[in-house]
Amino acid sequence: MQKIPKAFIFDLDGTIYLGDHLIEGAKESLQWVRESNAKVRFVTNNPRFSRRFYLEKLQRLGIETTFDEIITSAQITASYLAQNEQYGKIFVIGEDQLLSELNEKKINVVNDDTADTVLVSFDTDLYYEKLMIAYRALNNGANFITTNPDAVCPTPDGGLIDSGAIIAALETSTSRKLEKVIGKPSKILGDLLIQQLGEEANDCVVVGDRLNTDVRLGKQSNMQAIWIRAYDEIIPEDTKYYPDYTIKSIAQLPDLF
């Protein structure tokens, strides 16, 4: 048996729940983690909702947690930009919650192509003029960053187009490449989590269902990574980031240790 990690970092969508339904075995596995006296963080790349929203959702689903254990890509992005003033004026493709987080940190948000930085995020209210402003700003030399690179946000009915698809459209039209990710799998986030948890990186484990965000977050920050391979996905031959463990469901988590 392997030594139980001192800290577990859990993805939410597709790992703990799908839509409004708790995934079978999630409650029991999280209870096992708590009984092991391990520290816990819940990290979501979905920037559309507040930490309070996720706190109330988890509690409604019967999952014990606290406000400080929840981290969102919108929250992390706002904090990062507040600490890095060189990004200047920000044009945002994103929704109200991200804008609220940015306003709280007094980030200079503009609505035209004079922006110094284009910040792309999950946006279910995307319209053509938003893309055109971003297109013009990028062609003028603006920085190109994102809260999260996910192509699709998982939902019970097959998913929603996420920021990765918007990024791809702008990369294709401008011949620019995305320069920085601030949420998963960024090392910015990984290092912050390790610092918050106060543990050595190899005593922390990331648990999630995405190779390109969850597993990569763990491995490029020298943490362990557990991949929930729920859909018979195959690891690409050219991947740099292999999980330490692979399971079919979060219900199998306690069996690893």
C-alpha atoms as a PDB file:
ATOM      1  CA  MET A   1       0.000   0.000   0.000  1.00  0.00           C
ATOM      2  CA  GLN A   2       1.119   3.550  -0.775  1.00  0.00           C
ATOM      3  CA  LYS A   3       1.460   6.268   1.869  1.00  0.00           C
ATOM      4  CA  ILE A   4      -1.645   8.465   2.059  1.00  0.00           C
ATOM      5  CA  PRO A   5      -0.851  11.974   0.722  1.00  0.00           C
ATOM      6  CA  LYS A   6      -0.979  14.880   3.161  1.00  0.00           C
ATOM      7  CA  ALA A   7      -3.137  16.959   0.812  1.00  0.00           C
ATOM      8  CA  PHE A   8      -5.719  16.205  -1.893  1.00  0.00           C
ATOM      9  CA  ILE A   9      -6.609  18.716  -4.617  1.00  0.00           C
ATOM     10  CA  PHE A  10      -9.897  17.758  -6.267  1.00  0.00           C
ATOM     11  CA  ASP A  11     -11.377  18.831  -9.564  1.00  0.00           C
ATOM     12  CA  LEU A  12     -15.143  19.403  -9.334  1.00  0.00           C
ATOM     13  CA  ASP A  13     -16.975  19.083 -12.671  1.00  0.00           C
ATOM     14  CA  GLY A  14     -16.801  15.456 -13.798  1.00  0.00           C
ATOM     15  CA  THR A  15     -14.908  14.336 -10.683  1.00  0.00           C
ATOM     16  CA  ILE A  16     -17.098  15.126  -7.644  1.00  0.00           C
ATOM     17  CA  TYR A  17     -20.326  15.831  -9.499  1.00  0.00           C
ATOM     18  CA  LEU A  18     -21.800  16.098 -12.971  1.00  0.00           C
ATOM     19  CA  GLY A  19     -24.388  18.836 -13.289  1.00  0.00           C
ATOM     20  CA  ASP A  20     -26.488  18.720 -10.115  1.00  0.00           C
ATOM     21  CA  HIS A  21     -25.793  15.080  -9.384  1.00  0.00           C
ATOM     22  CA  LEU A  22     -23.107  13.764  -7.063  1.00  0.00           C
ATOM     23  CA  ILE A  23     -20.954  11.086  -8.681  1.00  0.00           C
ATOM     24  CA  GLU A  24     -21.367   7.704  -7.020  1.00  0.00           C
ATOM     25  CA  GLY A  25     -18.778   7.142  -4.309  1.00  0.00           C
ATOM     26  CA  ALA A  26     -17.696  10.799  -4.084  1.00  0.00           C
ATOM     27  CA  LYS A  27     -19.137  11.408  -0.618  1.00  0.00           C
ATOM     28  CA  GLU A  28     -17.608   8.231   0.816  1.00  0.00           C
ATOM     29  CA  SER A  29     -14.184   8.887  -0.734  1.00  0.00           C
ATOM     30  CA  LEU A  30     -14.105  12.448   0.577  1.00  0.00           C
ATOM     31  CA  GLN A  31     -15.121  11.225   4.015  1.00  0.00           C
ATOM     32  CA  TRP A  32     -12.186   8.780   3.869  1.00  0.00           C
ATOM     33  CA  VAL A  33      -9.846  11.673   2.988  1.00  0.00           C
ATOM     34  CA  ARG A  34     -11.137  13.701   5.949  1.00  0.00           C
ATOM     35  CA  GLU A  35     -10.713  10.733   8.301  1.00  0.00           C
ATOM     36  CA  SER A  36      -7.118  10.434   7.060  1.00  0.00           C
ATOM     37  CA  ASN A  37      -6.526  13.994   8.355  1.00  0.00           C
ATOM     38  CA  ALA A  38      -5.399  15.102   4.895  1.00  0.00           C
ATOM     39  CA  LYS A  39      -5.859  18.705   3.783  1.00  0.00           C
ATOM     40  CA  VAL A  40      -8.360  19.362   0.976  1.00  0.00           C
ATOM     41  CA  ARG A  41      -8.790  21.867  -1.840  1.00  0.00           C
ATOM     42  CA  PHE A  42     -11.502  21.948  -4.499  1.00  0.00           C
ATOM     43  CA  VAL A  43     -10.281  23.616  -7.689  1.00  0.00           C
ATOM     44  CA  THR A  44     -12.477  24.432 -10.671  1.00  0.00           C
ATOM     45  CA  ASN A  45     -11.533  25.925 -14.019  1.00  0.00           C
ATOM     46  CA  ASN A  46     -15.131  27.097 -14.468  1.00  0.00           C
ATOM     47  CA  PRO A  47     -15.010  30.884 -13.959  1.00  0.00           C
ATOM     48  CA  ARG A  48     -18.753  31.486 -14.324  1.00  0.00           C
ATOM     49  CA  PHE A  49     -19.687  31.070 -10.662  1.00  0.00           C
ATOM     50  CA  SER A  50     -18.447  32.389  -7.324  1.00  0.00           C
ATOM     51  CA  ARG A  51     -16.697  30.479  -4.572  1.00  0.00           C
ATOM     52  CA  ARG A  52     -19.872  30.963  -2.495  1.00  0.00           C
ATOM     53  CA  PHE A  53     -21.865  29.244  -5.261  1.00  0.00           C
ATOM     54  CA  TYR A  54     -19.550  26.221  -5.183  1.00  0.00           C
ATOM     55  CA  LEU A  55     -19.558  26.125  -1.379  1.00  0.00           C
ATOM     56  CA  GLU A  56     -23.357  26.041  -1.288  1.00  0.00           C
ATOM     57  CA  LYS A  57     -23.550  23.504  -4.110  1.00  0.00           C
ATOM     58  CA  LEU A  58     -21.148  21.082  -2.416  1.00  0.00           C
ATOM     59  CA  GLN A  59     -22.929  21.441   0.913  1.00  0.00           C
ATOM     60  CA  ARG A  60     -26.289  20.910  -0.789  1.00  0.00           C
ATOM     61  CA  LEU A  61     -24.912  17.690  -2.298  1.00  0.00           C
ATOM     62  CA  GLY A  62     -23.792  16.531   1.149  1.00  0.00           C
ATOM     63  CA  ILE A  63     -20.066  17.309   0.794  1.00  0.00           C
ATOM     64  CA  GLU A  64     -18.337  18.820   3.823  1.00  0.00           C
ATOM     65  CA  THR A  65     -16.208  21.839   2.925  1.00  0.00           C
ATOM     66  CA  THR A  66     -15.320  25.419   3.861  1.00  0.00           C
ATOM     67  CA  PHE A  67     -15.051  28.627   1.842  1.00  0.00           C
ATOM     68  CA  ASP A  68     -11.240  28.653   2.072  1.00  0.00           C
ATOM     69  CA  GLU A  69     -11.006  25.188   0.517  1.00  0.00           C
ATOM     70  CA  ILE A  70     -12.549  26.354  -2.785  1.00  0.00           C
ATOM     71  CA  ILE A  71     -10.505  27.937  -5.580  1.00  0.00           C
ATOM     72  CA  THR A  72     -11.796  29.132  -8.969  1.00  0.00           C
ATOM     73  CA  SER A  73      -9.929  30.196 -12.100  1.00  0.00           C
ATOM     74  CA  ALA A  74     -11.665  33.611 -11.988  1.00  0.00           C
ATOM     75  CA  GLN A  75     -10.459  34.238  -8.436  1.00  0.00           C
ATOM     76  CA  ILE A  76      -6.882  33.202  -9.246  1.00  0.00           C
ATOM     77  CA  THR A  77      -6.810  35.251 -12.451  1.00  0.00           C
ATOM     78  CA  ALA A  78      -7.961  38.430 -10.701  1.00  0.00           C
ATOM     79  CA  SER A  79      -5.347  37.975  -7.963  1.00  0.00           C
ATOM     80  CA  TYR A  80      -2.605  37.308 -10.517  1.00  0.00           C
ATOM     81  CA  LEU A  81      -3.430  40.402 -12.580  1.00  0.00           C
ATOM     82  CA  ALA A  82      -3.541  42.557  -9.443  1.00  0.00           C
ATOM     83  CA  GLN A  83       0.021  41.455  -8.698  1.00  0.00           C
ATOM     84  CA  ASN A  84       1.253  41.907 -12.290  1.00  0.00           C
ATOM     85  CA  GLU A  85       0.465  45.458 -13.366  1.00  0.00           C
ATOM     86  CA  GLN A  86       2.432  45.075 -16.607  1.00  0.00           C
ATOM     87  CA  TYR A  87      -0.699  43.564 -18.190  1.00  0.00           C
ATOM     88  CA  GLY A  88      -2.235  47.045 -18.164  1.00  0.00           C
ATOM     89  CA  LYS A  89      -5.712  47.567 -19.590  1.00  0.00           C
ATOM     90  CA  ILE A  90      -7.657  44.303 -19.952  1.00  0.00           C
ATOM     91  CA  PHE A  91     -10.292  43.390 -22.540  1.00  0.00           C
ATOM     92  CA  VAL A  92     -12.338  40.458 -21.265  1.00  0.00           C
ATOM     93  CA  ILE A  93     -14.189  37.747 -23.122  1.00  0.00           C
ATOM     94  CA  GLY A  94     -16.008  36.341 -20.108  1.00  0.00           C
ATOM     95  CA  GLU A  95     -19.051  36.569 -17.875  1.00  0.00           C
ATOM     96  CA  ASP A  96     -20.261  38.622 -14.921  1.00  0.00           C
ATOM     97  CA  GLN A  97     -18.544  36.601 -12.196  1.00  0.00           C
ATOM     98  CA  LEU A  98     -15.107  37.050 -13.765  1.00  0.00           C
ATOM     99  CA  LEU A  99     -15.758  40.766 -14.231  1.00  0.00           C
ATOM    100  CA  SER A 100     -16.869  40.993 -10.601  1.00  0.00           C
ATOM    101  CA  GLU A 101     -13.628  39.348  -9.427  1.00  0.00           C
ATOM    102  CA  LEU A 102     -11.580  41.723 -11.593  1.00  0.00           C
ATOM    103  CA  ASN A 103     -13.482  44.765 -10.338  1.00  0.00           C
ATOM    104  CA  GLU A 104     -12.974  43.671  -6.744  1.00  0.00           C
ATOM    105  CA  LYS A 105      -9.203  43.706  -7.380  1.00  0.00           C
ATOM    106  CA  LYS A 106      -9.500  47.097  -9.165  1.00  0.00           C
ATOM    107  CA  ILE A 107      -8.253  45.726 -12.484  1.00  0.00           C
ATOM    108  CA  ASN A 108      -8.520  48.238 -15.345  1.00  0.00           C
ATOM    109  CA  VAL A 109     -11.079  46.611 -17.672  1.00  0.00           C
ATOM    110  CA  VAL A 110     -11.791  48.260 -21.035  1.00  0.00           C
ATOM    111  CA  ASN A 111     -14.284  47.478 -23.774  1.00  0.00           C
ATOM    112  CA  ASP A 112     -12.288  48.389 -26.878  1.00  0.00           C
ATOM    113  CA  ASP A 113      -9.228  47.374 -28.862  1.00  0.00           C
ATOM    114  CA  THR A 114      -6.908  49.798 -27.025  1.00  0.00           C
ATOM    115  CA  ALA A 115      -6.464  46.988 -24.464  1.00  0.00           C
ATOM    116  CA  ASP A 116      -2.938  45.957 -23.508  1.00  0.00           C
ATOM    117  CA  THR A 117      -4.154  42.422 -22.775  1.00  0.00           C
ATOM    118  CA  VAL A 118      -6.901  40.156 -24.071  1.00  0.00           C
ATOM    119  CA  LEU A 119      -8.224  37.808 -21.370  1.00  0.00           C
ATOM    120  CA  VAL A 120     -10.254  34.925 -22.799  1.00  0.00           C
ATOM    121  CA  SER A 121     -12.575  32.931 -20.569  1.00  0.00           C
ATOM    122  CA  PHE A 122     -15.717  30.782 -20.611  1.00  0.00           C
ATOM    123  CA  ASP A 123     -18.443  32.978 -22.132  1.00  0.00           C
ATOM    124  CA  THR A 124     -21.953  31.702 -22.895  1.00  0.00           C
ATOM    125  CA  ASP A 125     -22.901  35.212 -24.037  1.00  0.00           C
ATOM    126  CA  LEU A 126     -20.189  35.424 -26.687  1.00  0.00           C
ATOM    127  CA  TYR A 127     -21.096  37.520 -29.729  1.00  0.00           C
ATOM    128  CA  TYR A 128     -19.256  38.554 -32.874  1.00  0.00           C
ATOM    129  CA  GLU A 129     -18.251  42.047 -31.792  1.00  0.00           C
ATOM    130  CA  LYS A 130     -16.463  40.652 -28.714  1.00  0.00           C
ATOM    131  CA  LEU A 131     -14.391  38.445 -31.003  1.00  0.00           C
ATOM    132  CA  MET A 132     -13.660  41.379 -33.301  1.00  0.00           C
ATOM    133  CA  ILE A 133     -12.457  43.595 -30.439  1.00  0.00           C
ATOM    134  CA  ALA A 134     -10.172  40.808 -29.258  1.00  0.00           C
ATOM    135  CA  TYR A 135      -9.018  40.207 -32.844  1.00  0.00           C
ATOM    136  CA  ARG A 136      -8.094  43.853 -33.356  1.00  0.00           C
ATOM    137  CA  ALA A 137      -6.385  44.171 -29.960  1.00  0.00           C
ATOM    138  CA  LEU A 138      -4.290  41.053 -30.590  1.00  0.00           C
ATOM    139  CA  ASN A 139      -3.308  42.326 -34.038  1.00  0.00           C
ATOM    140  CA  ASN A 140      -2.247  45.549 -32.295  1.00  0.00           C
ATOM    141  CA  GLY A 141       0.118  43.502 -30.085  1.00  0.00           C
ATOM    142  CA  ALA A 142      -1.945  42.927 -26.927  1.00  0.00           C
ATOM    143  CA  ASN A 143      -0.956  40.150 -24.530  1.00  0.00           C
ATOM    144  CA  PHE A 144      -2.995  36.941 -24.985  1.00  0.00           C
ATOM    145  CA  ILE A 145      -3.963  35.114 -21.765  1.00  0.00           C
ATOM    146  CA  THR A 146      -6.753  32.907 -20.414  1.00  0.00           C
ATOM    147  CA  THR A 147      -8.380  31.839 -17.177  1.00  0.00           C
ATOM    148  CA  ASN A 148      -8.561  28.250 -18.475  1.00  0.00           C
ATOM    149  CA  PRO A 149      -7.838  26.353 -21.704  1.00  0.00           C
ATOM    150  CA  ASP A 150     -10.687  23.789 -21.552  1.00  0.00           C
ATOM    151  CA  ALA A 151     -12.313  23.183 -24.938  1.00  0.00           C
ATOM    152  CA  VAL A 152     -15.516  21.832 -23.354  1.00  0.00           C
ATOM    153  CA  CYS A 153     -17.112  22.175 -19.917  1.00  0.00           C
ATOM    154  CA  PRO A 154     -18.639  18.801 -18.931  1.00  0.00           C
ATOM    155  CA  THR A 155     -22.412  18.654 -18.434  1.00  0.00           C
ATOM    156  CA  PRO A 156     -24.829  15.715 -18.196  1.00  0.00           C
ATOM    157  CA  ASP A 157     -26.051  16.371 -21.744  1.00  0.00           C
ATOM    158  CA  GLY A 158     -22.656  16.394 -23.429  1.00  0.00           C
ATOM    159  CA  GLY A 159     -20.944  19.656 -22.520  1.00  0.00           C
ATOM    160  CA  LEU A 160     -20.723  23.381 -23.282  1.00  0.00           C
ATOM    161  CA  ILE A 161     -18.203  25.053 -25.571  1.00  0.00           C
ATOM    162  CA  ASP A 162     -15.545  26.529 -23.273  1.00  0.00           C
ATOM    163  CA  SER A 163     -12.723  29.047 -23.582  1.00  0.00           C
ATOM    164  CA  GLY A 164     -10.375  26.688 -25.421  1.00  0.00           C
ATOM    165  CA  ALA A 165     -12.608  26.850 -28.487  1.00  0.00           C
ATOM    166  CA  ILE A 166     -12.657  30.675 -28.366  1.00  0.00           C
ATOM    167  CA  ILE A 167      -8.875  30.708 -28.004  1.00  0.00           C
ATOM    168  CA  ALA A 168      -8.600  28.454 -31.069  1.00  0.00           C
ATOM    169  CA  ALA A 169     -10.738  30.855 -33.131  1.00  0.00           C
ATOM    170  CA  LEU A 170      -8.537  33.810 -32.178  1.00  0.00           C
ATOM    171  CA  GLU A 171      -5.306  31.869 -32.737  1.00  0.00           C
ATOM    172  CA  THR A 172      -6.505  30.886 -36.210  1.00  0.00           C
ATOM    173  CA  SER A 173      -7.667  34.369 -37.208  1.00  0.00           C
ATOM    174  CA  THR A 174      -4.676  36.309 -35.835  1.00  0.00           C
ATOM    175  CA  SER A 175      -1.844  33.750 -36.224  1.00  0.00           C
ATOM    176  CA  ARG A 176      -1.062  34.524 -32.560  1.00  0.00           C
ATOM    177  CA  LYS A 177      -0.524  31.849 -29.937  1.00  0.00           C
ATOM    178  CA  LEU A 178      -1.938  31.907 -26.426  1.00  0.00           C
ATOM    179  CA  GLU A 179       0.793  33.148 -24.078  1.00  0.00           C
ATOM    180  CA  LYS A 180      -0.339  32.272 -20.575  1.00  0.00           C
ATOM    181  CA  VAL A 181      -2.825  30.088 -18.690  1.00  0.00           C
ATOM    182  CA  ILE A 182      -3.593  31.182 -15.119  1.00  0.00           C
ATOM    183  CA  GLY A 183      -5.994  28.426 -13.977  1.00  0.00           C
ATOM    184  CA  LYS A 184      -5.377  24.696 -14.421  1.00  0.00           C
ATOM    185  CA  PRO A 185      -2.869  23.415 -15.527  1.00  0.00           C
ATOM    186  CA  SER A 186      -0.720  26.494 -14.888  1.00  0.00           C
ATOM    187  CA  LYS A 187       2.318  26.200 -12.651  1.00  0.00           C
ATOM    188  CA  ILE A 188       1.191  29.584 -11.280  1.00  0.00           C
ATOM    189  CA  LEU A 189      -1.798  27.803  -9.746  1.00  0.00           C
ATOM    190  CA  GLY A 190       0.173  24.690  -8.791  1.00  0.00           C
ATOM    191  CA  ASP A 191       2.779  26.671  -6.854  1.00  0.00           C
ATOM    192  CA  LEU A 192       0.064  28.711  -5.122  1.00  0.00           C
ATOM    193  CA  LEU A 193      -1.720  25.541  -4.011  1.00  0.00           C
ATOM    194  CA  ILE A 194       1.472  24.042  -2.598  1.00  0.00           C
ATOM    195  CA  GLN A 195       2.195  27.289  -0.756  1.00  0.00           C
ATOM    196  CA  GLN A 196      -1.357  27.464   0.628  1.00  0.00           C
ATOM    197  CA  LEU A 197      -1.323  23.860   1.782  1.00  0.00           C
ATOM    198  CA  GLY A 198       2.066  24.193   3.467  1.00  0.00           C
ATOM    199  CA  GLU A 199       3.185  20.741   2.329  1.00  0.00           C
ATOM    200  CA  GLU A 200       5.967  19.420   0.123  1.00  0.00           C
ATOM    201  CA  ALA A 201       4.871  19.050  -3.493  1.00  0.00           C
ATOM    202  CA  ASN A 202       5.309  15.257  -3.507  1.00  0.00           C
ATOM    203  CA  ASP A 203       3.024  14.985  -0.475  1.00  0.00           C
ATOM    204  CA  CYS A 204       0.165  16.549  -2.475  1.00  0.00           C
ATOM    205  CA  VAL A 205      -2.008  14.809  -5.063  1.00  0.00           C
ATOM    206  CA  VAL A 206      -4.293  16.228  -7.753  1.00  0.00           C
ATOM    207  CA  VAL A 207      -7.407  14.147  -8.511  1.00  0.00           C
ATOM    208  CA  GLY A 208      -9.343  14.787 -11.715  1.00  0.00           C
ATOM    209  CA  ASP A 209     -10.759  13.504 -14.973  1.00  0.00           C
ATOM    210  CA  ARG A 210      -8.770  15.641 -17.421  1.00  0.00           C
ATOM    211  CA  LEU A 211      -5.278  14.731 -18.595  1.00  0.00           C
ATOM    212  CA  ASN A 212      -4.533  18.145 -20.064  1.00  0.00           C
ATOM    213  CA  THR A 213      -5.626  20.154 -17.017  1.00  0.00           C
ATOM    214  CA  ASP A 214      -5.803  18.063 -13.830  1.00  0.00           C
ATOM    215  CA  VAL A 215      -2.969  15.579 -14.428  1.00  0.00           C
ATOM    216  CA  ARG A 216      -0.778  18.195 -16.048  1.00  0.00           C
ATOM    217  CA  LEU A 217      -1.362  20.607 -13.127  1.00  0.00           C
ATOM    218  CA  GLY A 218      -0.062  17.986 -10.746  1.00  0.00           C
ATOM    219  CA  LYS A 219       2.907  16.725 -12.713  1.00  0.00           C
ATOM    220  CA  GLN A 220       4.384  20.030 -13.853  1.00  0.00           C
ATOM    221  CA  SER A 221       4.272  21.267 -10.242  1.00  0.00           C
ATOM    222  CA  ASN A 222       5.957  18.047  -8.981  1.00  0.00           C
ATOM    223  CA  MET A 223       2.811  16.819  -7.241  1.00  0.00           C
ATOM    224  CA  GLN A 224       1.271  13.382  -7.631  1.00  0.00           C
ATOM    225  CA  ALA A 225      -1.651  12.977 -10.027  1.00  0.00           C
ATOM    226  CA  ILE A 226      -4.601  10.581 -10.049  1.00  0.00           C
ATOM    227  CA  TRP A 227      -6.484  10.364 -13.321  1.00  0.00           C
ATOM    228  CA  ILE A 228     -10.133   9.329 -13.291  1.00  0.00           C
ATOM    229  CA  ARG A 229     -10.430   7.577 -16.652  1.00  0.00           C
ATOM    230  CA  ALA A 230     -14.197   7.371 -16.802  1.00  0.00           C
ATOM    231  CA  TYR A 231     -14.650   7.222 -20.583  1.00  0.00           C
ATOM    232  CA  ASP A 232     -11.916   4.807 -21.785  1.00  0.00           C
ATOM    233  CA  GLU A 233      -9.805   7.726 -23.005  1.00  0.00           C
ATOM    234  CA  ILE A 234      -6.332   6.734 -24.224  1.00  0.00           C
ATOM    235  CA  ILE A 235      -3.224   8.619 -23.110  1.00  0.00           C
ATOM    236  CA  PRO A 236      -1.635  10.199 -26.221  1.00  0.00           C
ATOM    237  CA  GLU A 237       1.757   8.728 -27.148  1.00  0.00           C
ATOM    238  CA  ASP A 238       3.399  12.166 -27.143  1.00  0.00           C
ATOM    239  CA  THR A 239       2.189  13.208 -23.684  1.00  0.00           C
ATOM    240  CA  LYS A 240       4.727  14.572 -21.204  1.00  0.00           C
ATOM    241  CA  TYR A 241       2.452  14.194 -18.199  1.00  0.00           C
ATOM    242  CA  TYR A 242       1.575  10.659 -17.112  1.00  0.00           C
ATOM    243  CA  PRO A 243      -0.637  10.112 -14.070  1.00  0.00           C
ATOM    244  CA  ASP A 244       0.830   8.274 -11.106  1.00  0.00           C
ATOM    245  CA  TYR A 245      -2.410   6.326 -10.709  1.00  0.00           C
ATOM    246  CA  THR A 246      -5.440   5.674 -12.913  1.00  0.00           C
ATOM    247  CA  ILE A 247      -8.890   4.775 -11.603  1.00  0.00           C
ATOM    248  CA  LYS A 248     -12.335   4.443 -13.177  1.00  0.00           C
ATOM    249  CA  SER A 249     -14.200   6.494 -10.569  1.00  0.00           C
ATOM    250  CA  ILE A 250     -13.573   8.577  -7.485  1.00  0.00           C
ATOM    251  CA  ALA A 251     -15.203   5.698  -5.602  1.00  0.00           C
ATOM    252  CA  GLN A 252     -11.946   3.757  -6.096  1.00  0.00           C
ATOM    253  CA  LEU A 253      -9.746   6.445  -4.493  1.00  0.00           C
ATOM    254  CA  PRO A 254      -9.377   4.792  -1.046  1.00  0.00           C
ATOM    255  CA  ASP A 255      -8.270   1.534  -2.707  1.00  0.00           C
ATOM    256  CA  LEU A 256      -5.036   3.173  -3.885  1.00  0.00           C
ATOM    257  CA  PHE A 257      -3.650   3.767  -0.384  1.00  0.00           C
END
